């Protein structure tokens, strides 16, 4: 595998993956580097795995190249796993981090401290032409705070307290957050897989 496509138009995510693959002498290119009119693949799956696979497999089929795609979100036990795969649009079709966060806080308003367990989940799907899609999953366990705090991060970071911490993901130094995040843990799994290729 000399080249891999990162199925994202997010510049920050693309940079993270590019530096990650560099040490394996694999050139990573993102959808931002490709001029073709590639489709925006709809996430119609019922799980993080299905949604990540939909993106990776469709773009791999079109380009005939290995493709990695991710899907991630927040699962809250007291809400039966919601927002889950709907994390980005939990409060409505338009992606709105604040609205999503406030909806969760409202739904969790009367949930006691001991029942506020939750986790961030990240699933990476690696689609390689004429091969079976490979999945790597990373999880960051924690609890939901009673109110938002912190300016770092995005999404649900201001209301998520990782296990072993007394502050939210948005209050933790970004470098520290990157060491414990669900994406980092999924990337660690990917690293093990690449090392065994």
N, C-alpha and C. Protein backbone atom coordinates (compact mmCIF):
# COMPACT_ATOMS: atom_id res chain seq x y z
N UNK A 1 0.86 -1.19 0.00
CA UNK A 1 0.00 0.00 0.00
C UNK A 1 0.90 1.24 0.00
N UNK A 2 0.96 1.90 -1.13
CA UNK A 2 1.84 3.07 -1.25
C UNK A 2 1.05 4.38 -1.13
N UNK A 3 -0.26 4.30 -1.39
CA UNK A 3 -1.08 5.51 -1.33
C UNK A 3 -2.43 5.15 -0.73
N UNK A 4 -2.96 6.06 0.08
CA UNK A 4 -4.28 5.85 0.66
C UNK A 4 -5.04 7.16 0.62
N UNK A 5 -6.35 7.07 0.39
CA UNK A 5 -7.20 8.26 0.34
C UNK A 5 -7.93 8.39 1.67
N UNK A 6 -7.90 9.59 2.23
CA UNK A 6 -8.65 9.88 3.45
C UNK A 6 -9.99 10.49 3.02
N UNK A 7 -11.08 9.81 3.35
CA UNK A 7 -12.40 10.26 2.88
C UNK A 7 -12.91 11.40 3.76
N UNK A 8 -12.26 12.55 3.63
CA UNK A 8 -12.69 13.73 4.38
C UNK A 8 -12.37 14.99 3.59
N UNK A 9 -13.19 16.01 3.81
CA UNK A 9 -12.90 17.35 3.28
C UNK A 9 -12.56 18.30 4.44
N UNK A 10 -12.32 17.71 5.61
CA UNK A 10 -11.95 18.47 6.80
C UNK A 10 -10.42 18.57 6.83
N UNK A 11 -9.91 19.79 6.69
CA UNK A 11 -8.48 20.02 6.58
C UNK A 11 -7.70 19.52 7.80
N UNK A 12 -8.23 19.77 9.00
CA UNK A 12 -7.55 19.35 10.23
C UNK A 12 -7.42 17.84 10.31
N UNK A 13 -8.51 17.15 9.99
CA UNK A 13 -8.52 15.69 10.02
C UNK A 13 -7.56 15.14 8.96
N UNK A 14 -7.57 15.75 7.78
CA UNK A 14 -6.70 15.32 6.69
C UNK A 14 -5.23 15.42 7.11
N UNK A 15 -4.85 16.55 7.74
CA UNK A 15 -3.46 16.74 8.19
C UNK A 15 -3.05 15.68 9.20
N UNK A 16 -3.96 15.39 10.14
CA UNK A 16 -3.70 14.40 11.19
C UNK A 16 -3.41 13.03 10.57
N UNK A 17 -4.23 12.62 9.62
CA UNK A 17 -4.04 11.33 8.97
C UNK A 17 -2.77 11.31 8.10
N UNK A 18 -2.51 12.42 7.42
CA UNK A 18 -1.32 12.48 6.54
C UNK A 18 -0.04 12.26 7.36
N UNK A 19 0.08 12.94 8.51
CA UNK A 19 1.29 12.79 9.32
C UNK A 19 1.35 11.38 9.92
N UNK A 20 0.20 10.81 10.22
CA UNK A 20 0.13 9.46 10.77
C UNK A 20 0.69 8.43 9.78
N UNK A 21 0.27 8.51 8.52
CA UNK A 21 0.67 7.52 7.52
C UNK A 21 2.11 7.71 7.01
N UNK A 22 2.64 8.92 7.21
CA UNK A 22 3.97 9.24 6.71
C UNK A 22 5.04 8.26 7.19
N UNK A 23 4.97 7.88 8.47
CA UNK A 23 6.00 6.99 9.04
C UNK A 23 5.95 5.59 8.45
N UNK A 24 4.84 5.26 7.78
CA UNK A 24 4.75 3.95 7.11
C UNK A 24 5.06 4.06 5.61
N UNK A 25 5.57 5.23 5.23
CA UNK A 25 5.90 5.52 3.83
C UNK A 25 4.69 5.32 2.92
N UNK A 26 3.53 5.67 3.46
CA UNK A 26 2.28 5.64 2.69
C UNK A 26 1.87 7.09 2.46
N UNK A 27 1.67 7.46 1.19
CA UNK A 27 1.25 8.82 0.88
C UNK A 27 -0.27 8.90 1.06
N UNK A 28 -0.69 9.77 1.98
CA UNK A 28 -2.12 9.95 2.23
C UNK A 28 -2.59 11.22 1.52
N UNK A 29 -3.66 11.07 0.75
CA UNK A 29 -4.28 12.24 0.11
C UNK A 29 -5.73 12.31 0.56
N UNK A 30 -6.24 13.51 0.69
CA UNK A 30 -7.63 13.66 1.13
C UNK A 30 -8.50 14.05 -0.06
N UNK A 31 -9.79 14.12 0.17
CA UNK A 31 -10.72 14.53 -0.88
C UNK A 31 -10.45 15.97 -1.31
N UNK A 32 -9.78 16.74 -0.45
CA UNK A 32 -9.41 18.12 -0.80
C UNK A 32 -8.34 18.15 -1.89
N UNK A 33 -7.56 17.05 -1.99
CA UNK A 33 -6.47 16.98 -2.98
C UNK A 33 -6.94 16.43 -4.32
N UNK A 34 -8.15 15.93 -4.36
CA UNK A 34 -8.66 15.28 -5.59
C UNK A 34 -9.67 16.21 -6.25
N UNK A 35 -9.44 16.48 -7.53
CA UNK A 35 -10.31 17.42 -8.24
C UNK A 35 -11.60 16.80 -8.77
N UNK A 36 -11.64 15.46 -8.80
CA UNK A 36 -12.84 14.79 -9.32
C UNK A 36 -14.07 15.21 -8.53
N UNK A 37 -15.21 15.18 -9.19
CA UNK A 37 -16.47 15.47 -8.50
C UNK A 37 -16.95 14.21 -7.78
N UNK A 38 -16.30 13.91 -6.68
CA UNK A 38 -16.69 12.73 -5.92
C UNK A 38 -17.99 13.00 -5.17
N UNK A 39 -18.84 12.00 -5.05
CA UNK A 39 -20.13 12.23 -4.38
C UNK A 39 -19.97 12.41 -2.88
N UNK A 40 -20.91 13.14 -2.27
CA UNK A 40 -21.01 13.17 -0.82
C UNK A 40 -21.82 11.94 -0.45
N UNK A 41 -21.17 10.94 0.11
CA UNK A 41 -21.85 9.67 0.41
C UNK A 41 -22.76 9.86 1.61
N UNK A 42 -24.03 9.51 1.45
CA UNK A 42 -24.99 9.65 2.54
C UNK A 42 -24.77 8.59 3.59
N UNK A 43 -24.82 9.01 4.86
CA UNK A 43 -24.63 8.07 5.96
C UNK A 43 -25.99 7.49 6.34
N UNK A 44 -26.37 6.41 5.67
CA UNK A 44 -27.70 5.82 5.88
C UNK A 44 -27.63 4.54 6.73
N UNK A 45 -26.45 4.22 7.26
CA UNK A 45 -26.28 3.00 8.05
C UNK A 45 -26.89 3.11 9.44
N UNK A 46 -26.95 1.95 10.12
CA UNK A 46 -27.52 1.89 11.47
C UNK A 46 -26.44 1.82 12.55
N UNK A 47 -25.17 1.94 12.15
CA UNK A 47 -24.08 1.87 13.13
C UNK A 47 -22.91 2.71 12.62
N UNK A 48 -21.97 2.99 13.51
CA UNK A 48 -20.76 3.72 13.11
C UNK A 48 -20.01 2.93 12.04
N UNK A 49 -19.96 1.59 12.21
CA UNK A 49 -19.26 0.73 11.24
C UNK A 49 -19.89 0.86 9.86
N UNK A 50 -21.22 0.77 9.80
CA UNK A 50 -21.91 0.83 8.50
C UNK A 50 -21.67 2.17 7.82
N UNK A 51 -21.76 3.26 8.58
CA UNK A 51 -21.58 4.60 7.99
C UNK A 51 -20.15 4.81 7.49
N UNK A 52 -19.17 4.37 8.28
CA UNK A 52 -17.77 4.50 7.87
C UNK A 52 -17.52 3.66 6.62
N UNK A 53 -18.09 2.45 6.58
CA UNK A 53 -17.91 1.56 5.42
C UNK A 53 -18.56 2.13 4.16
N UNK A 54 -19.74 2.72 4.30
CA UNK A 54 -20.42 3.31 3.14
C UNK A 54 -19.51 4.32 2.44
N UNK A 55 -18.88 5.20 3.25
CA UNK A 55 -18.00 6.23 2.68
C UNK A 55 -16.75 5.60 2.07
N UNK A 56 -16.08 4.75 2.85
CA UNK A 56 -14.82 4.17 2.40
C UNK A 56 -15.00 3.32 1.15
N UNK A 57 -16.01 2.46 1.15
CA UNK A 57 -16.19 1.52 0.04
C UNK A 57 -16.62 2.21 -1.25
N UNK A 58 -17.49 3.21 -1.14
CA UNK A 58 -17.95 3.91 -2.35
C UNK A 58 -16.80 4.66 -3.02
N UNK A 59 -16.00 5.36 -2.23
CA UNK A 59 -14.91 6.14 -2.81
C UNK A 59 -13.79 5.22 -3.30
N UNK A 60 -13.57 4.11 -2.59
CA UNK A 60 -12.59 3.13 -3.03
C UNK A 60 -13.00 2.52 -4.38
N UNK A 61 -14.30 2.26 -4.53
CA UNK A 61 -14.82 1.69 -5.78
C UNK A 61 -14.60 2.65 -6.94
N UNK A 62 -14.85 3.95 -6.70
CA UNK A 62 -14.72 4.96 -7.76
C UNK A 62 -13.25 5.17 -8.14
N UNK A 63 -12.38 5.28 -7.14
CA UNK A 63 -10.97 5.61 -7.40
C UNK A 63 -10.07 4.39 -7.59
N UNK A 64 -10.57 3.21 -7.21
CA UNK A 64 -9.78 1.98 -7.23
C UNK A 64 -8.48 2.14 -6.42
N UNK A 65 -8.63 2.74 -5.25
CA UNK A 65 -7.52 2.95 -4.32
C UNK A 65 -7.97 2.57 -2.91
N UNK A 66 -7.01 2.27 -2.01
CA UNK A 66 -7.40 2.07 -0.61
C UNK A 66 -7.92 3.39 -0.03
N UNK A 67 -8.99 3.30 0.76
CA UNK A 67 -9.61 4.50 1.34
C UNK A 67 -9.89 4.24 2.82
N UNK A 68 -9.59 5.25 3.65
CA UNK A 68 -9.98 5.18 5.06
C UNK A 68 -11.02 6.26 5.33
N UNK A 69 -12.09 5.87 6.02
CA UNK A 69 -13.15 6.82 6.40
C UNK A 69 -13.47 6.60 7.87
N UNK A 70 -13.94 7.65 8.53
CA UNK A 70 -14.30 7.47 9.94
C UNK A 70 -15.73 7.93 10.19
N UNK A 71 -16.30 7.36 11.23
CA UNK A 71 -17.59 7.85 11.73
C UNK A 71 -17.46 7.84 13.25
N UNK A 72 -17.95 8.88 13.87
CA UNK A 72 -17.80 8.95 15.32
C UNK A 72 -18.99 9.67 15.94
N UNK A 73 -19.12 9.52 17.25
CA UNK A 73 -20.22 10.18 17.94
C UNK A 73 -20.19 9.87 19.43
N UNK A 74 -21.22 10.33 20.11
CA UNK A 74 -21.34 10.21 21.56
C UNK A 74 -22.49 9.26 21.88
N UNK A 75 -22.21 8.27 22.73
CA UNK A 75 -23.24 7.34 23.20
C UNK A 75 -23.47 7.59 24.69
N UNK A 76 -24.74 7.81 25.07
CA UNK A 76 -25.08 8.07 26.48
C UNK A 76 -25.99 6.96 26.97
N UNK A 77 -25.56 6.28 28.04
CA UNK A 77 -26.30 5.12 28.53
C UNK A 77 -27.73 5.47 28.96
N UNK A 78 -27.90 6.58 29.66
CA UNK A 78 -29.23 6.97 30.15
C UNK A 78 -30.18 7.33 29.01
N UNK A 79 -29.64 7.59 27.83
CA UNK A 79 -30.47 7.92 26.65
C UNK A 79 -30.50 6.74 25.67
N UNK A 80 -30.28 5.54 26.19
CA UNK A 80 -30.29 4.32 25.35
C UNK A 80 -29.32 4.41 24.17
N UNK A 81 -28.15 5.04 24.42
CA UNK A 81 -27.13 5.11 23.39
C UNK A 81 -27.22 6.33 22.48
N UNK A 82 -28.28 7.14 22.66
CA UNK A 82 -28.35 8.37 21.86
C UNK A 82 -27.32 9.38 22.37
N UNK A 83 -26.90 10.35 21.55
CA UNK A 83 -27.26 10.59 20.15
C UNK A 83 -26.63 9.62 19.15
N UNK A 84 -25.57 8.90 19.55
CA UNK A 84 -25.00 7.85 18.71
C UNK A 84 -24.66 8.32 17.30
N UNK A 85 -25.15 7.56 16.30
CA UNK A 85 -24.82 7.88 14.90
C UNK A 85 -25.45 9.20 14.44
N UNK A 86 -26.37 9.74 15.25
CA UNK A 86 -27.01 11.02 14.89
C UNK A 86 -26.36 12.20 15.62
N UNK A 87 -25.17 11.98 16.20
CA UNK A 87 -24.53 13.01 17.04
C UNK A 87 -24.39 14.37 16.35
N UNK A 88 -24.01 14.39 15.08
CA UNK A 88 -23.75 15.66 14.38
C UNK A 88 -25.03 16.45 14.11
N UNK A 89 -26.16 15.73 13.98
CA UNK A 89 -27.43 16.42 13.66
C UNK A 89 -28.51 16.11 14.68
N UNK A 90 -28.12 15.96 15.93
CA UNK A 90 -29.06 15.52 16.97
C UNK A 90 -30.21 16.51 17.18
N UNK A 91 -29.91 17.79 17.05
CA UNK A 91 -30.94 18.81 17.29
C UNK A 91 -31.65 19.26 16.00
N UNK A 92 -31.31 18.64 14.87
CA UNK A 92 -31.92 19.03 13.58
C UNK A 92 -30.99 18.78 12.43
N UNK A 93 -31.51 18.87 11.22
CA UNK A 93 -30.74 18.55 10.01
C UNK A 93 -29.48 19.41 9.87
N UNK A 94 -29.59 20.68 10.28
CA UNK A 94 -28.43 21.57 10.18
C UNK A 94 -27.47 21.26 11.32
N UNK A 95 -26.20 21.02 10.98
CA UNK A 95 -25.21 20.72 12.03
C UNK A 95 -25.03 21.94 12.93
N UNK A 96 -25.32 21.79 14.22
CA UNK A 96 -25.22 22.90 15.16
C UNK A 96 -24.74 22.35 16.51
N UNK A 97 -23.43 22.49 16.76
CA UNK A 97 -22.82 21.93 17.97
C UNK A 97 -23.52 22.38 19.25
N UNK A 98 -23.81 23.69 19.35
CA UNK A 98 -24.43 24.24 20.57
C UNK A 98 -25.82 23.65 20.78
N UNK A 99 -26.63 23.63 19.71
CA UNK A 99 -28.00 23.11 19.81
C UNK A 99 -27.98 21.64 20.21
N UNK A 100 -27.05 20.87 19.63
CA UNK A 100 -26.93 19.45 19.98
C UNK A 100 -26.60 19.27 21.45
N UNK A 101 -25.64 20.07 21.91
CA UNK A 101 -25.18 19.99 23.30
C UNK A 101 -26.31 20.35 24.27
N UNK A 102 -27.04 21.43 23.96
CA UNK A 102 -28.12 21.86 24.84
C UNK A 102 -29.26 20.85 24.86
N UNK A 103 -29.49 20.17 23.74
CA UNK A 103 -30.54 19.15 23.71
C UNK A 103 -30.16 18.00 24.65
N UNK A 104 -28.90 17.59 24.63
CA UNK A 104 -28.43 16.53 25.52
C UNK A 104 -28.55 16.98 26.98
N UNK A 105 -28.10 18.20 27.29
CA UNK A 105 -28.19 18.69 28.67
C UNK A 105 -29.63 18.71 29.17
N UNK A 106 -30.55 19.11 28.31
CA UNK A 106 -31.97 19.15 28.67
C UNK A 106 -32.50 17.74 28.94
N UNK A 107 -32.14 16.80 28.06
CA UNK A 107 -32.61 15.42 28.23
C UNK A 107 -31.99 14.75 29.45
N UNK A 108 -30.82 15.24 29.88
CA UNK A 108 -30.11 14.66 31.02
C UNK A 108 -30.37 15.42 32.32
N UNK A 109 -31.24 16.42 32.26
CA UNK A 109 -31.44 17.35 33.38
C UNK A 109 -31.72 16.64 34.71
N UNK A 110 -32.58 15.61 34.69
CA UNK A 110 -32.96 14.96 35.96
C UNK A 110 -32.24 13.62 36.19
N UNK A 111 -31.23 13.34 35.36
CA UNK A 111 -30.47 12.09 35.52
C UNK A 111 -29.41 12.29 36.60
N UNK A 112 -29.37 11.37 37.58
CA UNK A 112 -28.45 11.52 38.71
C UNK A 112 -27.00 11.34 38.28
N UNK A 113 -26.11 11.81 39.13
CA UNK A 113 -24.67 11.80 38.83
C UNK A 113 -24.15 10.40 38.51
N UNK A 114 -24.67 9.40 39.23
CA UNK A 114 -24.16 8.02 39.05
C UNK A 114 -24.65 7.37 37.75
N UNK A 115 -25.65 7.97 37.13
CA UNK A 115 -26.22 7.35 35.91
C UNK A 115 -25.90 8.15 34.64
N UNK A 116 -24.85 8.98 34.70
CA UNK A 116 -24.54 9.86 33.57
C UNK A 116 -23.38 9.32 32.70
N UNK A 117 -23.18 8.01 32.73
CA UNK A 117 -22.07 7.40 31.98
C UNK A 117 -22.28 7.53 30.46
N UNK A 118 -21.16 7.72 29.77
CA UNK A 118 -21.22 7.93 28.32
C UNK A 118 -19.86 7.61 27.72
N UNK A 119 -19.81 7.58 26.40
CA UNK A 119 -18.52 7.35 25.73
C UNK A 119 -18.52 8.01 24.36
N UNK A 120 -17.34 8.50 23.97
CA UNK A 120 -17.11 8.91 22.59
C UNK A 120 -16.62 7.66 21.85
N UNK A 121 -17.16 7.45 20.66
CA UNK A 121 -16.78 6.29 19.84
C UNK A 121 -16.27 6.79 18.49
N UNK A 122 -15.18 6.20 18.01
CA UNK A 122 -14.67 6.48 16.66
C UNK A 122 -14.43 5.15 15.96
N UNK A 123 -15.00 4.99 14.78
CA UNK A 123 -14.76 3.78 13.99
C UNK A 123 -14.09 4.18 12.68
N UNK A 124 -12.96 3.53 12.38
CA UNK A 124 -12.28 3.72 11.10
C UNK A 124 -12.58 2.51 10.23
N UNK A 125 -12.98 2.77 8.98
CA UNK A 125 -13.17 1.70 7.99
C UNK A 125 -12.08 1.86 6.94
N UNK A 126 -11.37 0.77 6.65
CA UNK A 126 -10.33 0.80 5.62
C UNK A 126 -10.78 -0.11 4.48
N UNK A 127 -11.16 0.50 3.35
CA UNK A 127 -11.62 -0.26 2.19
C UNK A 127 -10.46 -0.37 1.20
N UNK A 128 -10.08 -1.60 0.89
CA UNK A 128 -9.00 -1.86 -0.07
C UNK A 128 -9.60 -2.61 -1.25
N UNK A 129 -9.40 -2.11 -2.48
CA UNK A 129 -10.02 -2.77 -3.64
C UNK A 129 -9.80 -4.29 -3.64
N UNK A 130 -10.89 -5.02 -3.88
CA UNK A 130 -10.89 -6.49 -3.98
C UNK A 130 -10.50 -7.18 -2.67
N UNK A 131 -10.65 -6.48 -1.57
CA UNK A 131 -10.40 -7.06 -0.24
C UNK A 131 -11.57 -6.74 0.68
N UNK A 132 -11.62 -7.45 1.80
CA UNK A 132 -12.68 -7.21 2.78
C UNK A 132 -12.36 -5.93 3.56
N UNK A 133 -13.36 -5.12 3.81
CA UNK A 133 -13.17 -3.89 4.58
C UNK A 133 -12.74 -4.23 6.02
N UNK A 134 -11.76 -3.46 6.52
CA UNK A 134 -11.23 -3.65 7.87
C UNK A 134 -11.76 -2.53 8.75
N UNK A 135 -12.12 -2.85 9.99
CA UNK A 135 -12.63 -1.85 10.93
C UNK A 135 -11.74 -1.75 12.16
N UNK A 136 -11.52 -0.52 12.63
CA UNK A 136 -10.79 -0.28 13.88
C UNK A 136 -11.63 0.68 14.72
N UNK A 137 -11.83 0.33 16.01
CA UNK A 137 -12.72 1.11 16.88
C UNK A 137 -11.94 1.65 18.07
N UNK A 138 -12.18 2.92 18.40
CA UNK A 138 -11.58 3.55 19.58
C UNK A 138 -12.68 4.12 20.46
N UNK A 139 -12.52 3.98 21.77
CA UNK A 139 -13.54 4.44 22.72
C UNK A 139 -12.89 5.26 23.82
N UNK A 140 -13.53 6.37 24.19
CA UNK A 140 -13.10 7.17 25.34
C UNK A 140 -14.29 7.22 26.30
N UNK A 141 -14.17 6.52 27.44
CA UNK A 141 -15.26 6.45 28.43
C UNK A 141 -15.27 7.70 29.30
N UNK A 142 -16.46 8.07 29.78
CA UNK A 142 -16.58 9.23 30.66
C UNK A 142 -18.00 9.42 31.16
N UNK A 143 -18.29 10.65 31.57
CA UNK A 143 -19.63 10.99 32.06
C UNK A 143 -20.06 12.33 31.47
N UNK A 144 -21.37 12.59 31.54
CA UNK A 144 -21.92 13.85 31.05
C UNK A 144 -22.03 14.84 32.21
N UNK A 145 -21.45 16.02 32.02
CA UNK A 145 -21.49 17.07 33.05
C UNK A 145 -22.91 17.65 33.16
N UNK A 146 -23.15 18.42 34.21
CA UNK A 146 -24.46 19.05 34.38
C UNK A 146 -24.57 20.37 33.62
N UNK A 147 -23.40 20.92 33.26
CA UNK A 147 -23.40 22.17 32.47
C UNK A 147 -22.12 22.22 31.64
N UNK A 148 -22.12 23.07 30.62
CA UNK A 148 -20.95 23.14 29.73
C UNK A 148 -19.80 23.90 30.42
N UNK A 149 -18.57 23.53 30.05
CA UNK A 149 -17.39 24.21 30.58
C UNK A 149 -16.23 24.00 29.62
N UNK A 150 -15.45 25.08 29.43
CA UNK A 150 -14.25 24.98 28.60
C UNK A 150 -14.43 25.54 27.20
N UNK A 151 -13.32 25.99 26.63
CA UNK A 151 -13.34 26.64 25.31
C UNK A 151 -12.60 25.83 24.24
N UNK A 152 -11.84 24.80 24.65
CA UNK A 152 -11.12 23.98 23.68
C UNK A 152 -12.08 22.96 23.06
N UNK A 153 -11.66 22.37 21.97
CA UNK A 153 -12.46 21.30 21.37
C UNK A 153 -13.69 21.79 20.65
N UNK A 154 -14.58 20.86 20.35
CA UNK A 154 -15.79 21.16 19.58
C UNK A 154 -16.83 20.10 19.90
N UNK A 155 -17.98 20.20 19.27
CA UNK A 155 -19.03 19.18 19.46
C UNK A 155 -19.47 19.11 20.91
N UNK A 156 -19.43 17.91 21.46
CA UNK A 156 -19.89 17.66 22.82
C UNK A 156 -18.77 17.78 23.86
N UNK A 157 -17.57 18.20 23.43
CA UNK A 157 -16.43 18.30 24.36
C UNK A 157 -16.73 19.09 25.64
N UNK A 158 -17.48 20.22 25.56
CA UNK A 158 -17.71 21.00 26.79
C UNK A 158 -18.61 20.32 27.83
N UNK A 159 -19.26 19.20 27.48
CA UNK A 159 -20.11 18.53 28.48
C UNK A 159 -19.65 17.10 28.77
N UNK A 160 -18.50 16.70 28.22
CA UNK A 160 -18.01 15.33 28.41
C UNK A 160 -16.79 15.33 29.32
N UNK A 161 -16.89 14.61 30.44
CA UNK A 161 -15.78 14.49 31.39
C UNK A 161 -15.18 13.09 31.23
N UNK A 162 -13.94 12.99 30.70
CA UNK A 162 -13.33 11.66 30.53
C UNK A 162 -13.03 11.02 31.88
N UNK A 163 -13.12 9.71 31.95
CA UNK A 163 -12.78 8.99 33.18
C UNK A 163 -11.36 9.33 33.62
N UNK A 164 -11.20 9.57 34.93
CA UNK A 164 -9.88 9.92 35.47
C UNK A 164 -9.64 11.42 35.52
N UNK A 165 -10.61 12.20 35.03
CA UNK A 165 -10.48 13.67 35.01
C UNK A 165 -11.64 14.29 35.79
N UNK A 166 -11.42 15.52 36.24
CA UNK A 166 -12.49 16.26 36.92
C UNK A 166 -12.88 17.48 36.10
N UNK A 167 -12.45 17.50 34.83
CA UNK A 167 -12.81 18.60 33.95
C UNK A 167 -13.24 18.03 32.60
N UNK A 168 -13.92 18.89 31.84
CA UNK A 168 -14.45 18.42 30.56
C UNK A 168 -13.34 18.34 29.51
N UNK A 169 -13.66 17.65 28.43
CA UNK A 169 -12.74 17.53 27.30
C UNK A 169 -12.36 18.92 26.79
N UNK A 170 -13.28 19.89 26.88
CA UNK A 170 -13.02 21.24 26.38
C UNK A 170 -12.15 22.06 27.33
N UNK A 171 -11.93 21.56 28.55
CA UNK A 171 -11.05 22.24 29.51
C UNK A 171 -9.64 21.64 29.51
N UNK A 172 -9.51 20.49 28.88
CA UNK A 172 -8.21 19.80 28.84
C UNK A 172 -7.36 20.39 27.73
N UNK A 173 -6.07 20.49 27.98
CA UNK A 173 -5.13 20.97 26.97
C UNK A 173 -5.26 20.11 25.71
N UNK A 174 -5.32 20.74 24.52
CA UNK A 174 -5.52 19.98 23.28
C UNK A 174 -4.53 18.82 23.08
N UNK A 175 -3.28 19.02 23.47
CA UNK A 175 -2.28 17.94 23.33
C UNK A 175 -2.64 16.75 24.21
N UNK A 176 -3.09 17.06 25.42
CA UNK A 176 -3.50 16.02 26.37
C UNK A 176 -4.74 15.30 25.83
N UNK A 177 -5.68 16.08 25.31
CA UNK A 177 -6.92 15.51 24.75
C UNK A 177 -6.60 14.54 23.63
N UNK A 178 -5.65 14.91 22.78
CA UNK A 178 -5.30 14.06 21.63
C UNK A 178 -4.68 12.73 22.06
N UNK A 179 -4.17 12.67 23.29
CA UNK A 179 -3.59 11.41 23.78
C UNK A 179 -4.66 10.44 24.27
N UNK A 180 -5.82 10.97 24.68
CA UNK A 180 -6.86 10.11 25.29
C UNK A 180 -8.11 9.98 24.43
N UNK A 181 -8.16 10.70 23.32
CA UNK A 181 -9.40 10.75 22.53
C UNK A 181 -9.74 9.42 21.86
N UNK A 182 -11.01 9.27 21.51
CA UNK A 182 -11.49 8.08 20.81
C UNK A 182 -10.82 7.93 19.45
N UNK A 183 -10.54 9.06 18.77
CA UNK A 183 -9.87 8.98 17.47
C UNK A 183 -8.44 8.46 17.63
N UNK A 184 -7.75 8.94 18.68
CA UNK A 184 -6.38 8.47 18.95
C UNK A 184 -6.39 6.96 19.21
N UNK A 185 -7.38 6.50 19.97
CA UNK A 185 -7.44 5.06 20.29
C UNK A 185 -7.74 4.23 19.04
N UNK A 186 -8.56 4.77 18.14
CA UNK A 186 -8.83 4.08 16.87
C UNK A 186 -7.58 4.07 16.01
N UNK A 187 -6.85 5.19 16.02
CA UNK A 187 -5.60 5.28 15.25
C UNK A 187 -4.55 4.30 15.82
N UNK A 188 -4.55 4.11 17.15
CA UNK A 188 -3.63 3.15 17.75
C UNK A 188 -3.92 1.74 17.23
N UNK A 189 -5.22 1.42 17.10
CA UNK A 189 -5.62 0.11 16.55
C UNK A 189 -5.19 -0.02 15.09
N UNK A 190 -5.33 1.10 14.36
CA UNK A 190 -4.92 1.12 12.95
C UNK A 190 -3.41 0.91 12.84
N UNK A 191 -2.68 1.51 13.77
CA UNK A 191 -1.22 1.41 13.77
C UNK A 191 -0.79 -0.05 13.96
N UNK A 192 -1.47 -0.74 14.89
CA UNK A 192 -1.16 -2.17 15.12
C UNK A 192 -1.40 -2.96 13.83
N UNK A 193 -2.50 -2.66 13.17
CA UNK A 193 -2.86 -3.37 11.93
C UNK A 193 -1.81 -3.10 10.84
N UNK A 194 -1.42 -1.83 10.69
CA UNK A 194 -0.42 -1.47 9.67
C UNK A 194 0.92 -2.16 9.96
N UNK A 195 1.25 -2.25 11.24
CA UNK A 195 2.50 -2.88 11.64
C UNK A 195 2.57 -4.36 11.30
N UNK A 196 1.37 -4.98 11.17
CA UNK A 196 1.30 -6.41 10.88
C UNK A 196 1.13 -6.71 9.40
N UNK A 197 1.05 -5.67 8.57
CA UNK A 197 0.82 -5.89 7.13
C UNK A 197 2.08 -6.50 6.48
